[in-house]
Structures are given as C-alpha cells and as structure tokens.
Amino acid sequence: MKPASHHVTHCKGCRAPICWALTTANGRRQPVDATPSAEGNLAVTQGADGLLYVRSLTKAHPEPRPSEWQAMPHHATCPSPPPRRSSGGGQRSRSGVRRAPWQGLQG
C-alpha cells in the first residue's frame, strides 16, 4: 500500500518525498519516507479522519496490519538532517535573586 498523493510532501533538506504522520503513542508529528520499505520499523495507516498515523513495529506486533504500509522514519534515511534542537532540560544559570517589593502581613 502507498500513501495518497495529497499526503506526500518533500523534505526541506534532501527534497526526498515524505509524509507527516501522527504517532499513536503521543500524537507528535513524525516524518516518514513516502516510499514503502520492507526494512522499515514503522507501520503507517490512514485514519477515518483522513490523517496518517504511525506506530512502531515491535516484537509483539512485528507485521503491519492489512490496512497499513511499512515505512522507514525519514530521520534514519535523510542525508542532510536538520540540526538538533535543544530540549531545554539542562540547568539554567542564575545570576542572583530578583528583587520584589515587600508585602508584610496584614492583619
């Protein structure tokens, strides 16, 4: 099975045909190669809402279902991936205490 042509776009880095799909695990967008691949570790399907959804193929479910097609994540095949963004989870430096007006107890 192949994705519908209206789902196919092109990678900004390498211009390869890709599709954007929502992960079933957390609903985040993930680029996948538009060309089905027998070596792929993802199963992609079109939902009733017309959107593409992707799930990982695992040992428990190693084969795609009849309505799914097998694909590779585009990050694994792109020859010119975009630079990684920082997750923002690191330590931030602090340079002192921000002063605030004193608000005493009112009784």
C-alpha atoms as a PDB file:
ATOM      1  CA  MET A   1       0.000   0.000   0.000  1.00  0.00           C
ATOM      2  CA  LYS A   2       1.183   3.551  -0.754  1.00  0.00           C
ATOM      3  CA  PRO A   3       0.158   6.887   0.725  1.00  0.00           C
ATOM      4  CA  ALA A   4      -2.268   9.061  -1.213  1.00  0.00           C
ATOM      5  CA  SER A   5      -0.600  11.780  -3.286  1.00  0.00           C
ATOM      6  CA  HIS A   6      -2.128  14.583  -1.189  1.00  0.00           C
ATOM      7  CA  HIS A   7      -0.167  13.296   1.855  1.00  0.00           C
ATOM      8  CA  VAL A   8       3.196  13.428   0.080  1.00  0.00           C
ATOM      9  CA  THR A   9       5.468  16.451   0.517  1.00  0.00           C
ATOM     10  CA  HIS A  10       9.234  16.917   0.237  1.00  0.00           C
ATOM     11  CA  CYS A  11      11.975  17.088   2.860  1.00  0.00           C
ATOM     12  CA  LYS A  12      13.445  20.592   3.138  1.00  0.00           C
ATOM     13  CA  GLY A  13      16.964  19.174   3.444  1.00  0.00           C
ATOM     14  CA  CYS A  14      17.209  16.451   0.782  1.00  0.00           C
ATOM     15  CA  ARG A  15      13.984  17.005  -1.243  1.00  0.00           C
ATOM     16  CA  ALA A  16      13.010  13.309  -0.863  1.00  0.00           C
ATOM     17  CA  PRO A  17       9.279  12.507  -0.831  1.00  0.00           C
ATOM     18  CA  ILE A  18       7.991  12.188   2.741  1.00  0.00           C
ATOM     19  CA  CYS A  19       4.697  12.034   4.624  1.00  0.00           C
ATOM     20  CA  TRP A  20       3.926  13.544   8.004  1.00  0.00           C
ATOM     21  CA  ALA A  21       2.122  11.184  10.374  1.00  0.00           C
ATOM     22  CA  LEU A  22       0.949  11.426  13.969  1.00  0.00           C
ATOM     23  CA  THR A  23       2.428   8.891  16.368  1.00  0.00           C
ATOM     24  CA  THR A  24      -0.112   6.669  18.076  1.00  0.00           C
ATOM     25  CA  ALA A  25       1.976   6.779  21.279  1.00  0.00           C
ATOM     26  CA  ASN A  26       1.837  10.539  21.951  1.00  0.00           C
ATOM     27  CA  GLY A  27       0.296  12.306  18.942  1.00  0.00           C
ATOM     28  CA  ARG A  28       3.514  14.038  17.819  1.00  0.00           C
ATOM     29  CA  ARG A  29       4.268  14.587  14.146  1.00  0.00           C
ATOM     30  CA  GLN A  30       6.878  12.306  12.596  1.00  0.00           C
ATOM     31  CA  PRO A  31       8.242  12.378   9.040  1.00  0.00           C
ATOM     32  CA  VAL A  32       8.273   9.006   7.283  1.00  0.00           C
ATOM     33  CA  ASP A  33       9.559   8.063   3.849  1.00  0.00           C
ATOM     34  CA  ALA A  34       6.708   8.095   1.328  1.00  0.00           C
ATOM     35  CA  THR A  35       8.080   5.013  -0.412  1.00  0.00           C
ATOM     36  CA  PRO A  36       7.122   1.799   1.423  1.00  0.00           C
ATOM     37  CA  SER A  37      10.103  -0.217   2.665  1.00  0.00           C
ATOM     38  CA  ALA A  38      10.295  -3.873   3.717  1.00  0.00           C
ATOM     39  CA  GLU A  39      13.148  -2.902   6.089  1.00  0.00           C
ATOM     40  CA  GLY A  40      11.054  -0.219   7.802  1.00  0.00           C
ATOM     41  CA  ASN A  41      10.287  -0.382  11.506  1.00  0.00           C
ATOM     42  CA  LEU A  42       7.095   1.692  11.289  1.00  0.00           C
ATOM     43  CA  ALA A  43       3.529   0.869  10.270  1.00  0.00           C
ATOM     44  CA  VAL A  44       1.534   3.740   8.743  1.00  0.00           C
ATOM     45  CA  THR A  45      -2.230   3.881   8.218  1.00  0.00           C
ATOM     46  CA  GLN A  46      -4.790   6.467   7.217  1.00  0.00           C
ATOM     47  CA  GLY A  47      -7.382   7.061   9.910  1.00  0.00           C
ATOM     48  CA  ALA A  48     -11.096   7.648   9.417  1.00  0.00           C
ATOM     49  CA  ASP A  49     -10.381  11.380   9.838  1.00  0.00           C
ATOM     50  CA  GLY A  50      -8.089  11.331   6.774  1.00  0.00           C
ATOM     51  CA  LEU A  51      -4.866  11.834   8.765  1.00  0.00           C
ATOM     52  CA  LEU A  52      -1.904   9.467   8.699  1.00  0.00           C
ATOM     53  CA  TYR A  53      -0.978   7.632  11.891  1.00  0.00           C
ATOM     54  CA  VAL A  54       2.263   5.790  12.593  1.00  0.00           C
ATOM     55  CA  ARG A  55       3.198   3.136  15.139  1.00  0.00           C
ATOM     56  CA  SER A  56       6.385   1.223  15.815  1.00  0.00           C
ATOM     57  CA  LEU A  57       6.630  -2.389  14.767  1.00  0.00           C
ATOM     58  CA  THR A  58       7.604  -4.378  17.868  1.00  0.00           C
ATOM     59  CA  LYS A  59       8.415  -7.982  18.707  1.00  0.00           C
ATOM     60  CA  ALA A  60       4.856  -8.386  19.945  1.00  0.00           C
ATOM     61  CA  HIS A  61       3.438  -6.967  16.664  1.00  0.00           C
ATOM     62  CA  PRO A  62       6.222  -7.323  14.033  1.00  0.00           C
ATOM     63  CA  GLU A  63       3.999  -7.236  10.929  1.00  0.00           C
ATOM     64  CA  PRO A  64       1.844  -4.402   9.589  1.00  0.00           C
ATOM     65  CA  ARG A  65      -1.914  -4.962   9.545  1.00  0.00           C
ATOM     66  CA  PRO A  66      -3.686  -5.274   6.155  1.00  0.00           C
ATOM     67  CA  SER A  67      -4.662  -1.571   6.199  1.00  0.00           C
ATOM     68  CA  GLU A  68      -1.074  -0.424   6.998  1.00  0.00           C
ATOM     69  CA  TRP A  69       2.081   0.024   4.957  1.00  0.00           C
ATOM     70  CA  GLN A  70       5.613  -0.455   6.255  1.00  0.00           C
ATOM     71  CA  ALA A  71       7.937   2.556   6.168  1.00  0.00           C
ATOM     72  CA  MET A  72      11.230   3.948   7.430  1.00  0.00           C
ATOM     73  CA  PRO A  73      11.407   7.048   9.626  1.00  0.00           C
ATOM     74  CA  HIS A  74      12.821   9.805   7.432  1.00  0.00           C
ATOM     75  CA  HIS A  75      15.313  10.872  10.108  1.00  0.00           C
ATOM     76  CA  ALA A  76      17.035   7.495   9.577  1.00  0.00           C
ATOM     77  CA  THR A  77      17.413   7.907   5.801  1.00  0.00           C
ATOM     78  CA  CYS A  78      17.877  11.667   5.286  1.00  0.00           C
ATOM     79  CA  PRO A  79      21.395  12.526   4.048  1.00  0.00           C
ATOM     80  CA  SER A  80      21.074  16.116   5.331  1.00  0.00           C
ATOM     81  CA  PRO A  81      19.046  16.100   8.564  1.00  0.00           C
ATOM     82  CA  PRO A  82      18.200  19.412  10.230  1.00  0.00           C
ATOM     83  CA  PRO A  83      20.264  20.421  13.272  1.00  0.00           C
ATOM     84  CA  ARG A  84      19.024  19.025  16.564  1.00  0.00           C
ATOM     85  CA  ARG A  85      17.095  21.379  18.776  1.00  0.00           C
ATOM     86  CA  SER A  86      17.866  21.599  22.447  1.00  0.00           C
ATOM     87  CA  SER A  87      15.239  20.058  24.683  1.00  0.00           C
ATOM     88  CA  GLY A  88      15.579  22.830  27.239  1.00  0.00           C
ATOM     89  CA  GLY A  89      16.023  20.328  30.036  1.00  0.00           C
ATOM     90  CA  GLY A  90      19.501  21.465  31.037  1.00  0.00           C
ATOM     91  CA  GLN A  91      20.471  23.564  34.007  1.00  0.00           C
ATOM     92  CA  ARG A  92      19.911  27.273  33.607  1.00  0.00           C
ATOM     93  CA  SER A  93      22.387  29.621  35.175  1.00  0.00           C
ATOM     94  CA  ARG A  94      21.111  32.111  37.688  1.00  0.00           C
ATOM     95  CA  SER A  95      22.823  35.374  38.320  1.00  0.00           C
ATOM     96  CA  GLY A  96      21.168  36.451  41.532  1.00  0.00           C
ATOM     97  CA  VAL A  97      17.831  36.998  43.150  1.00  0.00           C
ATOM     98  CA  ARG A  98      15.153  39.082  41.541  1.00  0.00           C
ATOM     99  CA  ARG A  99      14.016  41.771  43.935  1.00  0.00           C
ATOM    100  CA  ALA A 100      10.338  42.032  44.702  1.00  0.00           C
ATOM    101  CA  PRO A 101       8.515  44.602  46.823  1.00  0.00           C
ATOM    102  CA  TRP A 102       7.962  43.508  50.399  1.00  0.00           C
ATOM    103  CA  GLN A 103       4.414  42.602  51.250  1.00  0.00           C
ATOM    104  CA  GLY A 104       4.141  42.336  55.010  1.00  0.00           C
ATOM    105  CA  LEU A 105       1.426  40.551  56.913  1.00  0.00           C
ATOM    106  CA  GLN A 106      -1.774  42.477  57.045  1.00  0.00           C
ATOM    107  CA  GLY A 107      -3.941  41.777  59.993  1.00  0.00           C
END
